[in-house]
C-alpha atoms as a PDB file:
ATOM      1  CA  UNK A   1     -83.227 124.139 -57.894  1.00  0.00           C
ATOM      2  CA  UNK A   2     -81.327 126.491 -55.480  1.00  0.00           C
ATOM      3  CA  UNK A   3     -82.398 128.241 -52.310  1.00  0.00           C
ATOM      4  CA  UNK A   4     -81.190 132.182 -51.936  1.00  0.00           C
ATOM      5  CA  UNK A   5     -78.326 130.789 -50.186  1.00  0.00           C
ATOM      6  CA  UNK A   6     -77.135 129.028 -53.130  1.00  0.00           C
ATOM      7  CA  UNK A   7     -77.482 125.460 -51.765  1.00  0.00           C
ATOM      8  CA  UNK A   8     -79.434 122.829 -53.687  1.00  0.00           C
ATOM      9  CA  UNK A   9     -82.307 121.563 -52.089  1.00  0.00           C
ATOM     10  CA  UNK A  10     -83.835 117.984 -52.971  1.00  0.00           C
ATOM     11  CA  UNK A  11     -87.083 117.539 -55.127  1.00  0.00           C
ATOM     12  CA  UNK A  12     -90.291 116.622 -53.489  1.00  0.00           C
ATOM     13  CA  UNK A  13     -91.462 112.967 -54.630  1.00  0.00           C
ATOM     14  CA  UNK A  14     -95.061 112.151 -54.349  1.00  0.00           C
ATOM     15  CA  UNK A  15     -95.149 109.477 -51.593  1.00  0.00           C
ATOM     16  CA  UNK A  16     -98.406 107.915 -52.701  1.00  0.00           C
ATOM     17  CA  UNK A  17     -98.200 103.846 -53.616  1.00  0.00           C
ATOM     18  CA  UNK A  18     -95.440 103.813 -51.019  1.00  0.00           C
ATOM     19  CA  UNK A  19     -95.717 101.844 -48.052  1.00  0.00           C
ATOM     20  CA  UNK A  20     -93.016 101.561 -44.691  1.00  0.00           C
ATOM     21  CA  UNK A  21     -90.730  98.713 -44.818  1.00  0.00           C
ATOM     22  CA  UNK A  22     -92.536  95.436 -43.726  1.00  0.00           C
ATOM     23  CA  UNK A  23     -96.095  96.855 -43.435  1.00  0.00           C
ATOM     24  CA  UNK A  24     -98.646  94.792 -43.871  1.00  0.00           C
ATOM     25  CA  UNK A  25    -100.566  94.705 -47.178  1.00  0.00           C
ATOM     26  CA  UNK A  26    -104.234  93.594 -48.144  1.00  0.00           C
ATOM     27  CA  UNK A  27    -104.614  90.034 -48.329  1.00  0.00           C
ATOM     28  CA  UNK A  28    -105.595  90.010 -51.956  1.00  0.00           C
ATOM     29  CA  UNK A  29    -102.054  92.124 -52.685  1.00  0.00           C
ATOM     30  CA  UNK A  30     -99.824  89.779 -50.285  1.00  0.00           C
ATOM     31  CA  UNK A  31    -100.835  86.679 -51.979  1.00  0.00           C
ATOM     32  CA  UNK A  32    -100.438  88.711 -55.441  1.00  0.00           C
ATOM     33  CA  UNK A  33     -96.864  89.619 -53.971  1.00  0.00           C
ATOM     34  CA  UNK A  34     -96.108  85.790 -53.170  1.00  0.00           C
ATOM     35  CA  UNK A  35     -97.199  84.796 -56.491  1.00  0.00           C
ATOM     36  CA  UNK A  36     -95.170  87.027 -58.247  1.00  0.00           C
ATOM     37  CA  UNK A  37     -92.359  85.460 -56.482  1.00  0.00           C
ATOM     38  CA  UNK A  38     -92.902  81.916 -56.895  1.00  0.00           C
ATOM     39  CA  UNK A  39     -89.735  81.443 -59.106  1.00  0.00           C
ATOM     40  CA  UNK A  40     -87.641  82.734 -56.094  1.00  0.00           C
ATOM     41  CA  UNK A  41     -89.387  80.272 -53.601  1.00  0.00           C
ATOM     42  CA  UNK A  42     -88.668  77.582 -55.809  1.00  0.00           C
ATOM     43  CA  UNK A  43     -85.106  78.599 -56.519  1.00  0.00           C
ATOM     44  CA  UNK A  44     -84.180  79.095 -52.870  1.00  0.00           C
ATOM     45  CA  UNK A  45     -85.809  76.211 -51.960  1.00  0.00           C
ATOM     46  CA  UNK A  46     -83.546  74.086 -54.659  1.00  0.00           C
ATOM     47  CA  UNK A  47     -80.209  75.972 -53.674  1.00  0.00           C
ATOM     48  CA  UNK A  48     -80.955  75.383 -49.932  1.00  0.00           C
ATOM     49  CA  UNK A  49     -81.773  71.257 -50.691  1.00  0.00           C
ATOM     50  CA  UNK A  50     -78.436  71.086 -52.737  1.00  0.00           C
ATOM     51  CA  UNK A  51     -76.279  73.075 -50.244  1.00  0.00           C
ATOM     52  CA  UNK A  52     -77.486  70.635 -47.130  1.00  0.00           C
ATOM     53  CA  UNK A  53     -76.719  67.353 -49.407  1.00  0.00           C
ATOM     54  CA  UNK A  54     -73.312  68.661 -50.390  1.00  0.00           C
ATOM     55  CA  UNK A  55     -72.126  68.812 -46.965  1.00  0.00           C
ATOM     56  CA  UNK A  56     -72.310  64.961 -46.649  1.00  0.00           C
ATOM     57  CA  UNK A  57     -70.251  62.143 -48.301  1.00  0.00           C
ATOM     58  CA  UNK A  58     -73.461  60.278 -49.586  1.00  0.00           C
ATOM     59  CA  UNK A  59     -75.018  63.536 -50.701  1.00  0.00           C
ATOM     60  CA  UNK A  60     -78.740  63.136 -52.100  1.00  0.00           C
ATOM     61  CA  UNK A  61     -78.251  59.558 -50.826  1.00  0.00           C
ATOM     62  CA  UNK A  62     -79.237  60.557 -47.332  1.00  0.00           C
ATOM     63  CA  UNK A  63     -82.840  61.688 -48.570  1.00  0.00           C
ATOM     64  CA  UNK A  64     -83.462  57.894 -49.102  1.00  0.00           C
ATOM     65  CA  UNK A  65     -80.919  56.173 -46.530  1.00  0.00           C
ATOM     66  CA  UNK A  66     -82.338  58.344 -43.612  1.00  0.00           C
ATOM     67  CA  UNK A  67     -86.336  57.064 -43.859  1.00  0.00           C
ATOM     68  CA  UNK A  68     -85.123  53.393 -44.805  1.00  0.00           C
ATOM     69  CA  UNK A  69     -83.076  53.199 -41.540  1.00  0.00           C
ATOM     70  CA  UNK A  70     -86.342  54.741 -39.618  1.00  0.00           C
ATOM     71  CA  UNK A  71     -87.956  51.974 -41.024  1.00  0.00           C
ATOM     72  CA  UNK A  72     -85.251  49.222 -40.111  1.00  0.00           C
ATOM     73  CA  UNK A  73     -85.202  50.569 -36.480  1.00  0.00           C
ATOM     74  CA  UNK A  74     -89.275  50.977 -36.278  1.00  0.00           C
ATOM     75  CA  UNK A  75     -89.504  47.541 -37.668  1.00  0.00           C
ATOM     76  CA  UNK A  76     -86.918  45.900 -35.177  1.00  0.00           C
ATOM     77  CA  UNK A  77     -88.182  47.617 -32.101  1.00  0.00           C
ATOM     78  CA  UNK A  78     -92.291  47.714 -32.756  1.00  0.00           C
ATOM     79  CA  UNK A  79     -92.392  44.578 -35.353  1.00  0.00           C
ATOM     80  CA  UNK A  80     -89.745  42.181 -34.077  1.00  0.00           C
ATOM     81  CA  UNK A  81     -89.580  42.793 -30.521  1.00  0.00           C
ATOM     82  CA  UNK A  82     -92.858  44.453 -29.259  1.00  0.00           C
ATOM     83  CA  UNK A  83     -94.807  42.496 -32.112  1.00  0.00           C
ATOM     84  CA  UNK A  84     -96.936  45.077 -32.965  1.00  0.00           C
ATOM     85  CA  UNK A  85     -97.127  43.726 -36.680  1.00  0.00           C
ATOM     86  CA  UNK A  86     -99.773  41.403 -35.332  1.00  0.00           C
ATOM     87  CA  UNK A  87    -103.000  41.577 -37.490  1.00  0.00           C
ATOM     88  CA  UNK A  88    -101.420  43.766 -39.732  1.00  0.00           C
ATOM     89  CA  UNK A  89    -101.014  42.834 -43.399  1.00  0.00           C
ATOM     90  CA  UNK A  90     -97.776  43.247 -44.823  1.00  0.00           C
ATOM     91  CA  UNK A  91     -96.148  45.153 -42.067  1.00  0.00           C
ATOM     92  CA  UNK A  92     -93.183  46.289 -44.311  1.00  0.00           C
ATOM     93  CA  UNK A  93     -95.278  48.093 -46.835  1.00  0.00           C
ATOM     94  CA  UNK A  94     -97.556  49.308 -43.793  1.00  0.00           C
ATOM     95  CA  UNK A  95     -94.421  50.738 -41.913  1.00  0.00           C
ATOM     96  CA  UNK A  96     -92.578  52.157 -45.145  1.00  0.00           C
ATOM     97  CA  UNK A  97     -95.581  54.023 -45.801  1.00  0.00           C
ATOM     98  CA  UNK A  98     -96.242  55.428 -42.634  1.00  0.00           C
ATOM     99  CA  UNK A  99     -92.515  56.486 -41.836  1.00  0.00           C
ATOM    100  CA  UNK A 100     -92.036  58.372 -45.511  1.00  0.00           C
ATOM    101  CA  UNK A 101     -95.114  60.028 -45.373  1.00  0.00           C
ATOM    102  CA  UNK A 102     -95.100  61.410 -41.677  1.00  0.00           C
ATOM    103  CA  UNK A 103     -91.330  62.569 -41.921  1.00  0.00           C
ATOM    104  CA  UNK A 104     -92.554  64.839 -45.122  1.00  0.00           C
ATOM    105  CA  UNK A 105     -95.088  66.542 -42.572  1.00  0.00           C
ATOM    106  CA  UNK A 106     -92.554  66.182 -39.472  1.00  0.00           C
ATOM    107  CA  UNK A 107     -89.574  68.089 -41.165  1.00  0.00           C
ATOM    108  CA  UNK A 108     -92.127  70.861 -42.697  1.00  0.00           C
ATOM    109  CA  UNK A 109     -93.561  71.193 -39.190  1.00  0.00           C
ATOM    110  CA  UNK A 110     -90.001  71.412 -37.647  1.00  0.00           C
ATOM    111  CA  UNK A 111     -88.244  73.629 -40.348  1.00  0.00           C
ATOM    112  CA  UNK A 112     -91.526  76.060 -40.846  1.00  0.00           C
ATOM    113  CA  UNK A 113     -91.212  76.707 -36.656  1.00  0.00           C
ATOM    114  CA  UNK A 114     -87.686  78.282 -37.151  1.00  0.00           C
ATOM    115  CA  UNK A 115     -87.922  79.469 -40.588  1.00  0.00           C
ATOM    116  CA  UNK A 116     -88.419  83.237 -39.625  1.00  0.00           C
ATOM    117  CA  UNK A 117     -85.342  83.206 -37.266  1.00  0.00           C
ATOM    118  CA  UNK A 118     -83.583  81.456 -39.982  1.00  0.00           C
ATOM    119  CA  UNK A 119     -84.256  83.914 -42.459  1.00  0.00           C
ATOM    120  CA  UNK A 120     -83.421  86.474 -40.133  1.00  0.00           C
ATOM    121  CA  UNK A 121     -80.686  88.100 -42.715  1.00  0.00           C
ATOM    122  CA  UNK A 122     -82.729  88.239 -45.638  1.00  0.00           C
ATOM    123  CA  UNK A 123     -85.691  89.763 -43.983  1.00  0.00           C
ATOM    124  CA  UNK A 124     -83.336  92.740 -42.811  1.00  0.00           C
ATOM    125  CA  UNK A 125     -82.177  93.091 -46.143  1.00  0.00           C
ATOM    126  CA  UNK A 126     -85.050  92.350 -48.666  1.00  0.00           C
ATOM    127  CA  UNK A 127     -88.561  93.443 -48.990  1.00  0.00           C
ATOM    128  CA  UNK A 128     -90.804  90.576 -49.409  1.00  0.00           C
ATOM    129  CA  UNK A 129     -93.719  88.835 -48.260  1.00  0.00           C
ATOM    130  CA  UNK A 130     -92.300  86.872 -45.210  1.00  0.00           C
ATOM    131  CA  UNK A 131     -94.509  83.735 -46.048  1.00  0.00           C
ATOM    132  CA  UNK A 132     -91.805  82.992 -48.638  1.00  0.00           C
ATOM    133  CA  UNK A 133     -89.817  81.338 -45.689  1.00  0.00           C
ATOM    134  CA  UNK A 134     -92.131  78.914 -44.222  1.00  0.00           C
ATOM    135  CA  UNK A 135     -93.671  78.068 -47.744  1.00  0.00           C
ATOM    136  CA  UNK A 136     -90.228  77.521 -49.226  1.00  0.00           C
ATOM    137  CA  UNK A 137     -89.442  75.100 -46.329  1.00  0.00           C
ATOM    138  CA  UNK A 138     -92.263  73.142 -47.599  1.00  0.00           C
ATOM    139  CA  UNK A 139     -91.242  73.465 -51.072  1.00  0.00           C
ATOM    140  CA  UNK A 140     -87.460  72.277 -49.953  1.00  0.00           C
ATOM    141  CA  UNK A 141     -89.418  69.344 -48.126  1.00  0.00           C
ATOM    142  CA  UNK A 142     -91.358  68.312 -51.214  1.00  0.00           C
ATOM    143  CA  UNK A 143     -88.536  68.181 -53.534  1.00  0.00           C
ATOM    144  CA  UNK A 144     -86.896  65.855 -51.047  1.00  0.00           C
ATOM    145  CA  UNK A 145     -90.214  63.933 -50.925  1.00  0.00           C
ATOM    146  CA  UNK A 146     -90.983  63.201 -54.328  1.00  0.00           C
ATOM    147  CA  UNK A 147     -87.954  60.872 -55.116  1.00  0.00           C
ATOM    148  CA  UNK A 148     -88.629  59.114 -52.152  1.00  0.00           C
ATOM    149  CA  UNK A 149     -92.291  58.084 -52.959  1.00  0.00           C
ATOM    150  CA  UNK A 150     -90.584  56.172 -56.227  1.00  0.00           C
ATOM    151  CA  UNK A 151     -88.330  54.406 -53.767  1.00  0.00           C
ATOM    152  CA  UNK A 152     -91.208  53.815 -51.572  1.00  0.00           C
ATOM    153  CA  UNK A 153     -93.386  52.312 -54.214  1.00  0.00           C
ATOM    154  CA  UNK A 154     -90.193  50.186 -55.434  1.00  0.00           C
ATOM    155  CA  UNK A 155     -89.975  48.797 -52.004  1.00  0.00           C
ATOM    156  CA  UNK A 156     -93.546  48.012 -51.919  1.00  0.00           C
ATOM    157  CA  UNK A 157     -93.482  46.103 -55.050  1.00  0.00           C
ATOM    158  CA  UNK A 158     -90.391  44.154 -54.354  1.00  0.00           C
ATOM    159  CA  UNK A 159     -89.865  43.414 -50.468  1.00  0.00           C
ATOM    160  CA  UNK A 160     -92.098  40.440 -49.894  1.00  0.00           C
ATOM    161  CA  UNK A 161     -95.372  40.161 -49.542  1.00  0.00           C
ATOM    162  CA  UNK A 162     -95.435  42.287 -52.781  1.00  0.00           C
ATOM    163  CA  UNK A 163     -98.543  43.826 -53.596  1.00  0.00           C
ATOM    164  CA  UNK A 164    -100.349  43.955 -56.579  1.00  0.00           C
ATOM    165  CA  UNK A 165    -100.804  47.482 -57.881  1.00  0.00           C
ATOM    166  CA  UNK A 166    -104.346  48.396 -59.046  1.00  0.00           C
ATOM    167  CA  UNK A 167    -105.628  51.589 -60.663  1.00  0.00           C
ATOM    168  CA  UNK A 168    -106.289  53.188 -57.305  1.00  0.00           C
ATOM    169  CA  UNK A 169    -102.328  53.846 -56.968  1.00  0.00           C
ATOM    170  CA  UNK A 170    -103.045  57.240 -58.840  1.00  0.00           C
ATOM    171  CA  UNK A 171    -105.119  58.273 -55.534  1.00  0.00           C
ATOM    172  CA  UNK A 172    -101.763  58.684 -53.717  1.00  0.00           C
ATOM    173  CA  UNK A 173    -101.258  62.006 -56.161  1.00  0.00           C
ATOM    174  CA  UNK A 174    -104.121  63.974 -54.437  1.00  0.00           C
ATOM    175  CA  UNK A 175    -103.453  62.733 -51.218  1.00  0.00           C
ATOM    176  CA  UNK A 176     -99.725  64.158 -51.571  1.00  0.00           C
ATOM    177  CA  UNK A 177    -101.528  67.572 -53.042  1.00  0.00           C
ATOM    178  CA  UNK A 178    -103.835  67.560 -49.743  1.00  0.00           C
ATOM    179  CA  UNK A 179    -100.895  66.674 -47.143  1.00  0.00           C
ATOM    180  CA  UNK A 180     -98.720  69.670 -48.738  1.00  0.00           C
ATOM    181  CA  UNK A 181    -101.479  71.633 -48.684  1.00  0.00           C
ATOM    182  CA  UNK A 182    -102.090  71.008 -44.848  1.00  0.00           C
ATOM    183  CA  UNK A 183     -97.944  71.173 -44.633  1.00  0.00           C
ATOM    184  CA  UNK A 184     -98.081  74.805 -46.040  1.00  0.00           C
ATOM    185  CA  UNK A 185    -100.759  75.994 -43.327  1.00  0.00           C
ATOM    186  CA  UNK A 186     -99.031  74.435 -40.750  1.00  0.00           C
ATOM    187  CA  UNK A 187     -95.601  75.997 -41.557  1.00  0.00           C
ATOM    188  CA  UNK A 188     -97.315  79.214 -41.618  1.00  0.00           C
ATOM    189  CA  UNK A 189     -99.000  78.773 -38.560  1.00  0.00           C
ATOM    190  CA  UNK A 190     -95.807  77.528 -36.614  1.00  0.00           C
ATOM    191  CA  UNK A 191     -93.432  80.218 -38.115  1.00  0.00           C
ATOM    192  CA  UNK A 192     -95.370  83.005 -36.517  1.00  0.00           C
ATOM    193  CA  UNK A 193     -95.564  81.140 -32.948  1.00  0.00           C
ATOM    194  CA  UNK A 194     -91.884  80.126 -33.304  1.00  0.00           C
ATOM    195  CA  UNK A 195     -90.968  83.835 -33.895  1.00  0.00           C
ATOM    196  CA  UNK A 196     -92.617  84.716 -30.814  1.00  0.00           C
ATOM    197  CA  UNK A 197     -91.311  81.776 -28.864  1.00  0.00           C
ATOM    198  CA  UNK A 198     -88.018  80.925 -29.761  1.00  0.00           C
ATOM    199  CA  UNK A 199     -87.723  77.850 -27.510  1.00  0.00           C
ATOM    200  CA  UNK A 200     -90.537  76.080 -29.175  1.00  0.00           C
ATOM    201  CA  UNK A 201     -88.148  75.250 -31.914  1.00  0.00           C
ATOM    202  CA  UNK A 202     -86.362  72.847 -29.397  1.00  0.00           C
ATOM    203  CA  UNK A 203     -89.428  71.382 -28.281  1.00  0.00           C
ATOM    204  CA  UNK A 204     -90.563  70.452 -31.867  1.00  0.00           C
ATOM    205  CA  UNK A 205     -88.803  67.253 -31.809  1.00  0.00           C
ATOM    206  CA  UNK A 206     -90.794  66.494 -28.874  1.00  0.00           C
ATOM    207  CA  UNK A 207     -93.888  67.139 -30.218  1.00  0.00           C
ATOM    208  CA  UNK A 208     -93.322  65.466 -33.372  1.00  0.00           C
ATOM    209  CA  UNK A 209     -92.363  62.398 -31.479  1.00  0.00           C
ATOM    210  CA  UNK A 210     -95.964  62.784 -29.566  1.00  0.00           C
ATOM    211  CA  UNK A 211     -97.629  63.153 -32.869  1.00  0.00           C
ATOM    212  CA  UNK A 212     -95.436  59.790 -34.361  1.00  0.00           C
ATOM    213  CA  UNK A 213     -96.978  57.586 -31.883  1.00  0.00           C
ATOM    214  CA  UNK A 214    -100.630  58.726 -32.231  1.00  0.00           C
ATOM    215  CA  UNK A 215    -100.812  58.520 -36.053  1.00  0.00           C
ATOM    216  CA  UNK A 216    -100.585  54.787 -36.600  1.00  0.00           C
ATOM    217  CA  UNK A 217     -97.390  54.962 -38.264  1.00  0.00           C
ATOM    218  CA  UNK A 218     -96.439  51.410 -36.938  1.00  0.00           C
ATOM    219  CA  UNK A 219     -99.170  49.949 -35.265  1.00  0.00           C
ATOM    220  CA  UNK A 220    -103.062  50.018 -35.969  1.00  0.00           C
ATOM    221  CA  UNK A 221    -104.775  52.617 -33.614  1.00  0.00           C
ATOM    222  CA  UNK A 222    -108.190  50.337 -34.828  1.00  0.00           C
ATOM    223  CA  UNK A 223    -106.835  47.216 -33.429  1.00  0.00           C
ATOM    224  CA  UNK A 224    -104.974  48.742 -30.544  1.00  0.00           C
ATOM    225  CA  UNK A 225    -107.779  50.931 -29.099  1.00  0.00           C
ATOM    226  CA  UNK A 226    -110.921  48.802 -30.409  1.00  0.00           C
ATOM    227  CA  UNK A 227    -112.014  48.648 -26.785  1.00  0.00           C
ATOM    228  CA  UNK A 228    -111.513  52.688 -26.235  1.00  0.00           C
ATOM    229  CA  UNK A 229    -113.993  53.851 -28.751  1.00  0.00           C
ATOM    230  CA  UNK A 230    -114.034  57.327 -27.525  1.00  0.00           C
ATOM    231  CA  UNK A 231    -110.501  57.426 -27.426  1.00  0.00           C
ATOM    232  CA  UNK A 232    -110.149  55.913 -31.253  1.00  0.00           C
ATOM    233  CA  UNK A 233    -112.861  58.364 -32.625  1.00  0.00           C
ATOM    234  CA  UNK A 234    -110.191  61.060 -31.388  1.00  0.00           C
ATOM    235  CA  UNK A 235    -107.245  59.619 -32.535  1.00  0.00           C
ATOM    236  CA  UNK A 236    -108.969  58.800 -36.151  1.00  0.00           C
ATOM    237  CA  UNK A 237    -109.427  62.521 -36.271  1.00  0.00           C
ATOM    238  CA  UNK A 238    -105.625  62.989 -36.729  1.00  0.00           C
ATOM    239  CA  UNK A 239    -104.836  64.316 -40.037  1.00  0.00           C
ATOM    240  CA  UNK A 240    -101.911  62.487 -40.594  1.00  0.00           C
ATOM    241  CA  UNK A 241    -103.674  59.290 -39.603  1.00  0.00           C
ATOM    242  CA  UNK A 242    -106.074  60.138 -42.488  1.00  0.00           C
ATOM    243  CA  UNK A 243    -103.607  60.567 -44.715  1.00  0.00           C
ATOM    244  CA  UNK A 244    -101.725  57.191 -43.719  1.00  0.00           C
ATOM    245  CA  UNK A 245    -104.853  55.477 -44.352  1.00  0.00           C
ATOM    246  CA  UNK A 246    -105.785  56.930 -47.755  1.00  0.00           C
ATOM    247  CA  UNK A 247    -102.171  55.894 -49.298  1.00  0.00           C
ATOM    248  CA  UNK A 248    -102.203  52.633 -47.371  1.00  0.00           C
ATOM    249  CA  UNK A 249    -105.610  51.686 -48.698  1.00  0.00           C
ATOM    250  CA  UNK A 250    -104.840  53.142 -52.714  1.00  0.00           C
ATOM    251  CA  UNK A 251    -101.396  51.738 -52.859  1.00  0.00           C
ATOM    252  CA  UNK A 252    -100.545  49.048 -50.613  1.00  0.00           C
ATOM    253  CA  UNK A 253    -104.314  47.377 -50.350  1.00  0.00           C
ATOM    254  CA  UNK A 254    -106.135  48.291 -53.577  1.00  0.00           C
ATOM    255  CA  UNK A 255    -109.139  49.109 -52.031  1.00  0.00           C
ATOM    256  CA  UNK A 256    -111.616  52.128 -51.769  1.00  0.00           C
ATOM    257  CA  UNK A 257    -111.169  54.427 -48.917  1.00  0.00           C
ATOM    258  CA  UNK A 258    -114.677  55.655 -47.086  1.00  0.00           C
ATOM    259  CA  UNK A 259    -115.760  59.070 -48.276  1.00  0.00           C
ATOM    260  CA  UNK A 260    -115.813  60.523 -44.844  1.00  0.00           C
ATOM    261  CA  UNK A 261    -112.154  60.154 -44.834  1.00  0.00           C
ATOM    262  CA  UNK A 262    -111.502  61.903 -48.145  1.00  0.00           C
ATOM    263  CA  UNK A 263    -113.515  64.915 -46.607  1.00  0.00           C
ATOM    264  CA  UNK A 264    -111.486  64.747 -43.517  1.00  0.00           C
ATOM    265  CA  UNK A 265    -108.577  65.057 -45.395  1.00  0.00           C
ATOM    266  CA  UNK A 266    -109.749  67.794 -47.667  1.00  0.00           C
ATOM    267  CA  UNK A 267    -111.174  69.972 -44.627  1.00  0.00           C
ATOM    268  CA  UNK A 268    -107.773  69.548 -42.706  1.00  0.00           C
ATOM    269  CA  UNK A 269    -105.936  70.356 -45.364  1.00  0.00           C
ATOM    270  CA  UNK A 270    -107.682  73.726 -46.632  1.00  0.00           C
ATOM    271  CA  UNK A 271    -108.722  74.217 -42.759  1.00  0.00           C
ATOM    272  CA  UNK A 272    -105.134  74.409 -41.633  1.00  0.00           C
ATOM    273  CA  UNK A 273    -104.180  76.502 -44.667  1.00  0.00           C
ATOM    274  CA  UNK A 274    -106.560  78.892 -44.465  1.00  0.00           C
ATOM    275  CA  UNK A 275    -106.124  79.488 -40.606  1.00  0.00           C
ATOM    276  CA  UNK A 276    -102.207  79.317 -40.883  1.00  0.00           C
ATOM    277  CA  UNK A 277    -101.985  81.370 -43.741  1.00  0.00           C
ATOM    278  CA  UNK A 278    -104.139  84.221 -42.343  1.00  0.00           C
ATOM    279  CA  UNK A 279    -102.757  83.706 -39.010  1.00  0.00           C
ATOM    280  CA  UNK A 280     -99.168  84.811 -40.209  1.00  0.00           C
ATOM    281  CA  UNK A 281    -100.417  87.413 -42.327  1.00  0.00           C
ATOM    282  CA  UNK A 282    -101.802  88.868 -39.323  1.00  0.00           C
ATOM    283  CA  UNK A 283     -98.172  89.162 -38.227  1.00  0.00           C
ATOM    284  CA  UNK A 284     -96.437  90.351 -40.836  1.00  0.00           C
ATOM    285  CA  UNK A 285     -95.401  93.765 -39.480  1.00  0.00           C
ATOM    286  CA  UNK A 286     -93.665  91.895 -36.541  1.00  0.00           C
ATOM    287  CA  UNK A 287     -91.300  89.602 -38.389  1.00  0.00           C
ATOM    288  CA  UNK A 288     -88.737  92.522 -38.941  1.00  0.00           C
ATOM    289  CA  UNK A 289     -88.288  92.902 -35.155  1.00  0.00           C
ATOM    290  CA  UNK A 290     -85.560  90.022 -34.724  1.00  0.00           C
END
């Protein structure tokens, strides 16, 4: 249509259903939007995983070599020199499980902290639920972790003293699921903090190392802290220690884990998911201001 001066005018469009870019939607709509983009999250995770391996001469080989070299270093320092293997049956298997599973959470924690700033260009260019970024980090680490689990099982069976695998090996699957759920909540929680405090990314390696030492990766906290029951109880409340113990009992020693440990691992997983995801969702509108 034209006005009296002969100039064309733009037809008005109803604004119903439109929202400002970056505005936080309802929680139900937010989760629905994330689910609709699940294929994008998986594809983006695979792309980053393959892109990072192409930069190395050994490619995917580093997915296995990195934790194996860490196991070798920890065995030499703590097992051979400091004799922390004292009282631990099959210390090599004990160490392999500890290193592989801890690195899964450690990488998710570090990647999640810097995920918002690392995805700044995507945030400026596209409209999508920002939780896709820390979740994508966990998915990428999960895809890296799965092949290493197979290698871990082979090592436990092949390296003497070899263990007899029982039916309890299937219990490793729910532990991995619980740890992955925990990692998603942790990555979302730290992503918002890392967006507000950029320097936190530089502290993650130090914080991760403290967590490593307090999770019983290369020594038994039950033996070392037997004389300090209060400190032992606090250390046993550590979620990573719970997941490591559940895997070691199921895969390495073939014994049943206490029910309270399964309950604690489940509460940690879903508790962290709920708290971390809601905390991240509450800050949705701030992530475009980088």
